[in-house]
Amino acid sequence: MKRGARYAPLLALGSWLLAGCGRYRDFTLPEQPGGPSVNWQWLARAEPVLTRGAQGEWDAVDVLNPSVIRQGDAYYNFFSGYDGRAWRTGLAVSGDGVTWRKEGQILSPDPGAWEGAAIAANGAAISDDSGILYYYQAGDPVRIGLARSTNGHQWAKNGPPVLPAGPYGSWDERGVADPYVIRAGRGYYMFYLGMDRARRQRLGLAESQDGVRWYKLRINPILELGEYGAFDENGLGEPAVWAMRGYYWMLYTGRDRNEMRRLGLARSRDGVRWQKLPMVISGGEAWDSKVICDPTVIASGDRVTVWFGGGDVAHPAQNIHGQIGLGELIVAR
């Protein structure tokens, strides 16, 4: 679940119910050609670029889970806010990706629907010919829903979840969360977190031709927990994927035994078989000293702009003093 907020629902919600089996198939992403090794350099701004709201506001406790897209000359940031009771999705707008203006809430949980009252956030936005699609997590067990907008301000929820939890005994039986959706070729591909009955949180993949009807990869999960003592031995989450330099690249959140969170890096030629790389990114400032999570990326040339969540409390869910930071991955020459 959330990367800050995204772990919250999976860890906080208690009575897990069986959610349907869903649909499965075998597939890969369009294959990348591969190429020489890439040496990445990480640079981050010292201060957060999006901070918590004032006491009593809907995002007063945590601000996390950015999902940033370009809309014309502006950046739109669909982020998660927590007020101590529920997670909601808000919108912030920027001309440069650094200075943000909050526009308020755009999605709240609906207690009368499948979502329940705890969360409608921790999502991923993507633009297509119909407008903006926003995939978000909600419910008990946690599932992934879809909302649509033509302008980023007014939204209509799609109805039932588009990605259910898995069947009895599966790797994602107890919930699916942390969606990150990309286009590759003519398809939509969703990277997401799944949790099993042992509460292991790993990463999987689903495919869609229209962004609504999804098929899970039959051989999920695609990324496993780290070995004993590794930064990601206790849980994975919040993938962010892009294509560059002959590979698909993935930033993901790893949790260690002390619930510190850091970002790991992996690469793949087909989006299914992934190789973890040695690079691990930790928070470098007081405000993100215990948690760095929730990456969202925009790649251009040899630079990858990364917005991320950070906090100074080591906890797998919320109440981490969450704020949103900005960094860059640069191909070192």
Protein backbone atom coordinates (compact mmCIF):
# COMPACT_ATOMS: atom_id res chain seq x y z
CA MET A 1 0.00 0.00 0.00
CA LYS A 2 1.08 3.30 0.42
CA ARG A 3 4.40 4.27 0.20
CA GLY A 4 3.75 6.41 3.03
CA ALA A 5 0.12 6.43 2.86
CA ARG A 6 -0.02 3.46 0.61
CA TYR A 7 1.07 0.96 3.15
CA ALA A 8 -1.53 2.36 5.50
CA PRO A 9 -4.67 0.63 4.30
CA LEU A 10 -3.11 -2.78 3.87
CA LEU A 11 -1.59 -2.64 7.31
CA ALA A 12 -4.36 -0.83 9.12
CA LEU A 13 -7.49 -2.51 7.80
CA GLY A 14 -8.25 -5.68 9.64
CA SER A 15 -11.07 -7.88 8.37
CA TRP A 16 -9.91 -9.09 4.97
CA LEU A 17 -12.61 -10.58 2.79
CA LEU A 18 -12.19 -12.66 -0.34
CA ALA A 19 -12.39 -10.47 -3.42
CA GLY A 20 -12.88 -12.21 -6.78
CA CYS A 21 -10.41 -14.00 -8.89
CA GLY A 22 -10.01 -11.45 -11.64
CA ARG A 23 -8.59 -12.21 -15.09
CA TYR A 24 -5.15 -13.60 -15.97
CA ARG A 25 -2.95 -13.98 -19.04
CA ASP A 26 0.67 -14.26 -20.13
CA PHE A 27 2.26 -11.16 -21.65
CA THR A 28 5.29 -8.90 -21.65
CA LEU A 29 5.78 -5.22 -22.42
CA PRO A 30 7.21 -4.34 -25.85
CA GLU A 31 10.81 -5.48 -25.58
CA GLN A 32 13.58 -2.93 -25.09
CA PRO A 33 16.87 -3.52 -26.96
CA GLY A 34 19.19 -3.42 -23.93
CA GLY A 35 22.52 -1.66 -24.03
CA PRO A 36 25.57 -0.70 -22.02
CA SER A 37 25.44 -0.19 -18.27
CA VAL A 38 24.13 3.12 -17.00
CA ASN A 39 25.61 4.90 -13.99
CA TRP A 40 22.98 6.98 -12.25
CA GLN A 41 23.61 9.98 -10.02
CA TRP A 42 20.97 11.09 -7.49
CA LEU A 43 20.50 14.76 -6.64
CA ALA A 44 17.72 16.11 -4.41
CA ARG A 45 16.56 19.50 -3.18
CA ALA A 46 17.15 20.09 0.51
CA GLU A 47 13.63 21.32 1.29
CA PRO A 48 10.26 19.76 0.45
CA VAL A 49 8.34 21.29 -2.45
CA LEU A 50 4.85 20.45 -1.12
CA THR A 51 4.13 20.64 2.59
CA ARG A 52 1.29 19.74 4.94
CA GLY A 53 -1.78 21.87 5.39
CA ALA A 54 -2.62 23.92 8.47
CA GLN A 55 -4.06 22.25 11.55
CA GLY A 56 -7.60 21.04 10.91
CA GLU A 57 -7.24 20.91 7.12
CA TRP A 58 -7.73 17.73 5.10
CA ASP A 59 -3.97 17.27 4.58
CA ALA A 60 -2.72 18.50 7.95
CA VAL A 61 -1.05 15.26 9.13
CA ASP A 62 0.64 13.84 6.03
CA VAL A 63 1.14 14.89 2.41
CA LEU A 64 2.50 12.00 0.33
CA ASN A 65 2.02 9.93 -2.85
CA PRO A 66 2.60 12.46 -5.61
CA SER A 67 1.53 11.51 -9.13
CA VAL A 68 2.78 14.18 -11.54
CA ILE A 69 1.86 14.60 -15.22
CA ARG A 70 2.26 17.40 -17.76
CA GLN A 71 -0.89 19.19 -18.91
CA GLY A 72 0.00 21.76 -21.53
CA ASP A 73 2.53 24.10 -20.00
CA ALA A 74 1.71 23.06 -16.43
CA TYR A 75 2.51 20.21 -14.10
CA TYR A 76 -0.44 18.59 -12.33
CA ASN A 77 0.31 16.79 -9.07
CA PHE A 78 -2.37 14.40 -7.78
CA PHE A 79 -1.22 13.84 -4.20
CA SER A 80 -2.55 12.14 -1.07
CA GLY A 81 -3.47 14.03 2.09
CA TYR A 82 -4.23 12.61 5.53
CA ASP A 83 -6.07 14.41 8.33
CA GLY A 84 -5.72 11.72 11.01
CA ARG A 85 -8.92 9.91 9.95
CA ALA A 86 -8.99 9.43 6.18
CA TRP A 87 -6.81 9.67 3.09
CA ARG A 88 -8.03 11.80 0.19
CA THR A 89 -6.62 12.89 -3.15
CA GLY A 90 -5.85 16.52 -3.88
CA LEU A 91 -4.54 18.52 -6.82
CA ALA A 92 -1.61 20.93 -6.93
CA VAL A 93 -0.52 22.84 -10.04
CA SER A 94 2.92 24.20 -10.95
CA GLY A 95 4.60 25.94 -13.85
CA ASP A 96 8.05 24.54 -13.10
CA GLY A 97 7.52 21.42 -10.96
CA VAL A 98 9.08 23.17 -7.95
CA THR A 99 6.63 25.82 -6.75
CA TRP A 100 3.15 24.34 -6.26
CA ARG A 101 -0.29 25.85 -5.72
CA LYS A 102 -2.79 23.58 -3.99
CA GLU A 103 -6.20 23.48 -5.68
CA GLY A 104 -7.98 21.45 -2.97
CA GLN A 105 -9.45 17.97 -2.79
CA ILE A 106 -10.58 16.11 -5.88
CA LEU A 107 -11.45 12.64 -4.48
CA SER A 108 -12.76 11.51 -1.10
CA PRO A 109 -13.71 8.02 0.10
CA ASP A 110 -17.37 7.07 -0.27
CA PRO A 111 -18.59 5.08 2.77
CA GLY A 112 -21.70 4.01 0.88
CA ALA A 113 -19.80 2.44 -2.02
CA TRP A 114 -17.18 -0.32 -2.22
CA GLU A 115 -14.54 2.16 -1.05
CA GLY A 116 -15.47 2.49 2.62
CA ALA A 117 -14.53 5.53 4.68
CA ALA A 118 -10.76 5.17 5.06
CA ILE A 119 -9.10 6.01 1.77
CA ALA A 120 -9.52 7.17 -1.81
CA ALA A 121 -5.95 8.11 -2.65
CA ASN A 122 -2.45 6.69 -3.20
CA GLY A 123 -2.95 6.63 -6.94
CA ALA A 124 -1.46 7.13 -10.37
CA ALA A 125 -2.55 9.57 -13.08
CA ILE A 126 -2.08 9.15 -16.82
CA SER A 127 -3.38 11.13 -19.80
CA ASP A 128 -4.96 9.62 -22.90
CA ASP A 129 -7.28 10.79 -25.68
CA SER A 130 -10.27 10.79 -23.30
CA GLY A 131 -8.64 13.02 -20.67
CA ILE A 132 -6.99 12.02 -17.40
CA LEU A 133 -7.31 8.60 -15.81
CA TYR A 134 -6.55 8.34 -12.09
CA TYR A 135 -6.15 4.90 -10.54
CA TYR A 136 -6.53 4.92 -6.76
CA GLN A 137 -6.80 2.47 -3.90
CA ALA A 138 -9.71 2.05 -1.53
CA GLY A 139 -11.86 -0.52 0.24
CA ASP A 140 -11.48 -3.53 2.52
CA PRO A 141 -9.82 -5.59 1.15
CA VAL A 142 -7.91 -2.85 -0.62
CA ARG A 143 -8.58 -2.74 -4.35
CA ILE A 144 -7.82 -0.36 -7.19
CA GLY A 145 -10.48 1.92 -8.64
CA LEU A 146 -10.58 4.39 -11.51
CA ALA A 147 -11.74 8.00 -11.79
CA ARG A 148 -11.87 10.12 -14.96
CA SER A 149 -11.57 13.83 -15.69
CA THR A 150 -11.32 16.03 -18.74
CA ASN A 151 -9.61 18.89 -16.92
CA GLY A 152 -8.08 17.54 -13.69
CA HIS A 153 -10.54 19.42 -11.47
CA GLN A 154 -13.93 17.71 -11.89
CA TRP A 155 -13.93 13.93 -11.56
CA ALA A 156 -16.29 11.00 -12.09
CA LYS A 157 -15.58 7.64 -10.48
CA ASN A 158 -15.79 4.64 -12.77
CA GLY A 159 -17.89 2.51 -10.42
CA PRO A 160 -16.61 -0.86 -9.17
CA PRO A 161 -12.89 -1.55 -8.77
CA VAL A 162 -10.95 -2.22 -11.96
CA LEU A 163 -8.36 -4.41 -10.25
CA PRO A 164 -9.58 -6.81 -7.52
CA ALA A 165 -7.63 -8.69 -4.90
CA GLY A 166 -6.56 -12.18 -5.87
CA PRO A 167 -8.22 -15.54 -5.14
CA TYR A 168 -7.78 -17.65 -2.02
CA GLY A 169 -4.13 -18.52 -1.42
CA SER A 170 -2.74 -16.14 -4.04
CA TRP A 171 0.15 -13.70 -3.63
CA ASP A 172 -2.30 -10.74 -3.64
CA GLU A 173 -5.21 -12.36 -1.78
CA ARG A 174 -5.31 -9.73 0.98
CA GLY A 175 -5.24 -6.64 -1.21
CA VAL A 176 -3.83 -4.76 -4.20
CA ALA A 177 -2.57 -1.19 -4.01
CA ASP A 178 0.04 1.37 -5.12
CA PRO A 179 -0.83 1.44 -8.83
CA TYR A 180 1.57 2.98 -11.33
CA VAL A 181 0.34 2.98 -14.93
CA ILE A 182 2.31 3.57 -18.12
CA ARG A 183 1.61 3.29 -21.87
CA ALA A 184 3.89 1.07 -23.94
CA GLY A 185 3.04 0.26 -27.54
CA ARG A 186 -0.75 0.15 -27.73
CA GLY A 187 -1.25 -1.14 -24.20
CA TYR A 188 -1.66 0.15 -20.67
CA TYR A 189 0.48 -1.55 -18.02
CA MET A 190 -0.13 -1.32 -14.28
CA PHE A 191 2.61 -2.08 -11.76
CA TYR A 192 1.12 -2.61 -8.31
CA LEU A 193 1.61 -3.96 -4.81
CA GLY A 194 0.00 -7.21 -3.67
CA MET A 195 -0.24 -8.62 -0.15
CA ASP A 196 -0.71 -12.28 0.78
CA ARG A 197 -2.06 -13.85 3.95
CA ALA A 198 1.44 -13.83 5.48
CA ARG A 199 1.35 -10.03 4.99
CA ARG A 200 4.21 -10.13 2.49
CA GLN A 201 4.04 -7.14 0.16
CA ARG A 202 5.56 -7.65 -3.31
CA LEU A 203 5.13 -6.16 -6.77
CA GLY A 204 3.07 -7.41 -9.71
CA LEU A 205 1.91 -6.40 -13.18
CA ALA A 206 -1.38 -6.14 -15.08
CA GLU A 207 -2.20 -5.29 -18.71
CA SER A 208 -5.13 -3.53 -20.38
CA GLN A 209 -6.01 -2.40 -23.89
CA ASP A 210 -8.49 0.27 -22.79
CA GLY A 211 -7.39 1.23 -19.26
CA VAL A 212 -10.55 -0.28 -17.74
CA ARG A 213 -10.52 -4.04 -18.27
CA TRP A 214 -7.33 -5.42 -16.73
CA TYR A 215 -5.59 -8.80 -16.91
CA LYS A 216 -3.08 -9.78 -14.25
CA LEU A 217 0.17 -11.44 -15.26
CA ARG A 218 -0.15 -15.15 -14.63
CA ILE A 219 3.38 -15.48 -13.19
CA ASN A 220 3.17 -12.59 -10.69
CA PRO A 221 4.87 -11.34 -8.56
CA ILE A 222 7.56 -9.75 -10.70
CA LEU A 223 9.71 -8.39 -7.84
CA GLU A 224 10.42 -10.29 -4.62
CA LEU A 225 11.49 -9.25 -1.13
CA GLY A 226 15.15 -8.65 -0.48
CA GLU A 227 17.37 -11.05 1.40
CA TYR A 228 17.82 -11.00 5.16
CA GLY A 229 19.33 -7.69 6.22
CA ALA A 230 18.55 -5.93 2.94
CA PHE A 231 16.88 -2.51 2.77
CA ASP A 232 13.79 -4.18 1.22
CA GLU A 233 13.58 -7.38 3.30
CA ASN A 234 10.31 -6.40 5.02
CA GLY A 235 8.19 -5.16 2.11
CA LEU A 236 8.07 -3.66 -1.37
CA GLY A 237 5.74 -0.99 -2.69
CA GLU A 238 5.12 2.08 -4.80
CA PRO A 239 6.77 1.29 -8.11
CA ALA A 240 7.51 3.99 -10.70
CA VAL A 241 8.50 2.83 -14.20
CA TRP A 242 9.92 4.50 -17.31
CA ALA A 243 11.82 3.52 -20.49
CA MET A 244 15.25 4.93 -21.33
CA ARG A 245 18.65 3.83 -22.64
CA GLY A 246 17.46 0.42 -23.85
CA TYR A 247 15.65 -0.71 -20.68
CA TYR A 248 12.61 -0.29 -18.51
CA TRP A 249 13.68 1.17 -15.17
CA MET A 250 11.82 0.93 -11.88
CA LEU A 251 12.16 2.94 -8.70
CA TYR A 252 10.39 1.22 -5.81
CA THR A 253 10.06 1.60 -2.06
CA GLY A 254 11.72 -0.95 0.21
CA ARG A 255 11.03 -1.39 3.93
CA ASP A 256 13.64 -2.82 6.27
CA ARG A 257 13.13 -4.59 9.59
CA ASN A 258 13.04 -1.26 11.45
CA GLU A 259 10.44 0.20 9.02
CA MET A 260 12.92 2.61 7.51
CA ARG A 261 11.96 3.21 3.89
CA ARG A 262 14.32 3.82 0.98
CA LEU A 263 14.16 3.69 -2.81
CA GLY A 264 15.62 0.84 -4.80
CA LEU A 265 16.31 0.64 -8.54
CA ALA A 266 15.71 -2.26 -10.94
CA ARG A 267 15.84 -2.71 -14.71
CA SER A 268 14.20 -4.99 -17.28
CA ARG A 269 14.03 -5.44 -21.04
CA ASP A 270 10.47 -6.83 -21.11
CA GLY A 271 8.80 -5.40 -17.95
CA VAL A 272 8.34 -8.88 -16.48
CA ARG A 273 11.84 -10.13 -15.61
CA TRP A 274 13.57 -7.58 -13.41
CA GLN A 275 17.12 -7.25 -12.13
CA LYS A 276 17.64 -5.36 -8.88
CA LEU A 277 20.59 -2.95 -9.03
CA PRO A 278 22.93 -1.93 -6.19
CA MET A 279 21.73 1.67 -6.01
CA VAL A 280 19.70 2.51 -2.88
CA ILE A 281 18.46 6.06 -2.27
CA SER A 282 18.06 7.33 1.29
CA GLY A 283 16.65 10.60 2.55
CA GLY A 284 19.42 13.12 3.04
CA GLU A 285 17.69 15.76 5.17
CA ALA A 286 16.06 15.89 8.59
CA TRP A 287 12.52 15.98 7.14
CA ASP A 288 13.02 12.74 5.12
CA SER A 289 15.59 11.07 7.36
CA LYS A 290 13.48 7.96 8.12
CA VAL A 291 11.30 7.60 5.02
CA ILE A 292 11.79 8.24 1.33
CA CYS A 293 9.02 6.65 -0.72
CA ASP A 294 6.22 7.19 -3.30
CA PRO A 295 8.26 8.05 -6.42
CA THR A 296 6.63 9.45 -9.55
CA VAL A 297 8.78 10.25 -12.57
CA ILE A 298 8.98 12.24 -15.79
CA ALA A 299 11.91 11.22 -18.01
CA SER A 300 13.47 13.54 -20.57
CA GLY A 301 16.78 13.00 -22.32
CA ASP A 302 19.28 11.68 -19.81
CA ARG A 303 17.42 13.11 -16.80
CA VAL A 304 14.60 11.64 -14.76
CA THR A 305 12.73 14.10 -12.55
CA VAL A 306 11.47 12.36 -9.40
CA TRP A 307 8.88 13.66 -6.97
CA PHE A 308 8.75 11.58 -3.80
CA GLY A 309 7.29 11.36 -0.32
CA GLY A 310 9.41 11.73 2.78
CA GLY A 311 9.08 11.67 6.55
CA ASP A 312 11.07 11.73 9.77
CA VAL A 313 9.21 8.90 11.56
CA ALA A 314 9.97 5.25 10.73
CA HIS A 315 6.47 3.78 10.41
CA PRO A 316 4.89 1.62 7.69
CA ALA A 317 1.75 3.71 7.35
CA GLN A 318 0.81 7.28 8.24
CA ASN A 319 1.71 9.89 10.87
CA ILE A 320 5.25 10.23 9.52
CA HIS A 321 5.12 14.04 9.12
CA GLY A 322 4.90 13.33 5.41
CA GLN A 323 5.88 15.94 2.83
CA ILE A 324 6.78 15.80 -0.87
CA GLY A 325 10.29 16.34 -2.19
CA LEU A 326 11.96 16.66 -5.57
CA GLY A 327 15.06 14.97 -6.94
CA GLU A 328 16.73 13.94 -10.18
CA LEU A 329 18.35 10.82 -11.52
CA ILE A 330 21.02 11.87 -13.99
CA VAL A 331 23.03 9.61 -16.27
CA ALA A 332 26.61 10.12 -15.12
CA ARG A 333 29.10 10.64 -17.94
